[in-house]
Amino acid sequence: MTGCNELKKGDVITCEDCGLELTVTKACDCSTGEGSCSAEGFSCCGDEMKKK
């Protein structure tokens, strides 16, 4: 899973089912498990969103 701590400004993650795309405009500076960041990463339509 792609966690927010792995994403950098300009990265895009997408849902392979519905096509939703999210673009990172500001990188996260949290470590995994801190704040709202989690090792589960981002999901949409019940599946993991993939980094483009």
Protein backbone atom coordinates (compact mmCIF):
# COMPACT_ATOMS: atom_id res chain seq x y z
CA MET A 1 0.00 0.00 0.00
CA THR A 2 1.14 3.53 -0.72
CA GLY A 3 1.21 5.48 2.54
CA CYS A 4 1.16 9.26 2.71
CA ASN A 5 4.75 9.31 4.00
CA GLU A 6 5.85 7.76 0.65
CA LEU A 7 4.16 10.41 -1.51
CA LYS A 8 5.93 13.55 -2.68
CA LYS A 9 4.59 16.80 -4.14
CA GLY A 10 3.33 16.17 -7.68
CA ASP A 11 2.72 12.43 -7.20
CA VAL A 12 -0.63 11.08 -8.39
CA ILE A 13 -2.49 8.09 -6.96
CA THR A 14 -5.39 6.57 -8.82
CA CYS A 15 -8.27 4.12 -8.41
CA GLU A 16 -8.12 1.45 -11.08
CA ASP A 17 -11.89 0.84 -10.80
CA CYS A 18 -13.50 4.29 -11.09
CA GLY A 19 -10.54 6.37 -12.30
CA LEU A 20 -10.46 8.81 -9.35
CA GLU A 21 -7.09 10.54 -9.24
CA LEU A 22 -5.57 12.42 -6.30
CA THR A 23 -2.58 14.73 -6.78
CA VAL A 24 -0.28 15.55 -3.88
CA THR A 25 0.06 19.33 -3.48
CA LYS A 26 1.98 19.20 -0.18
CA ALA A 27 4.07 16.27 1.04
CA CYS A 28 3.37 14.69 4.44
CA ASP A 29 6.06 15.02 7.07
CA CYS A 30 4.54 12.46 9.49
CA SER A 31 5.98 9.02 10.05
CA THR A 32 3.80 5.93 9.53
CA GLY A 33 1.26 5.54 12.32
CA GLU A 34 1.51 9.18 13.39
CA GLY A 35 -1.52 11.47 13.18
CA SER A 36 -3.93 10.34 10.47
CA CYS A 37 -1.20 8.55 8.49
CA SER A 38 -1.40 4.76 8.46
CA ALA A 39 0.33 1.78 6.88
CA GLU A 40 -2.96 0.94 5.11
CA GLY A 41 -2.50 3.80 2.67
CA PHE A 42 -5.35 5.09 0.52
CA SER A 43 -8.29 3.08 -0.80
CA CYS A 44 -11.22 3.68 -3.14
CA CYS A 45 -13.97 1.32 -4.35
CA GLY A 46 -12.73 -1.17 -1.73
CA ASP A 47 -9.26 -1.48 -3.27
CA GLU A 48 -5.83 0.10 -2.82
CA MET A 49 -5.14 3.24 -4.82
CA LYS A 50 -1.97 2.89 -6.90
CA LYS A 51 0.77 5.44 -7.50
CA LYS A 52 0.79 6.51 -11.16
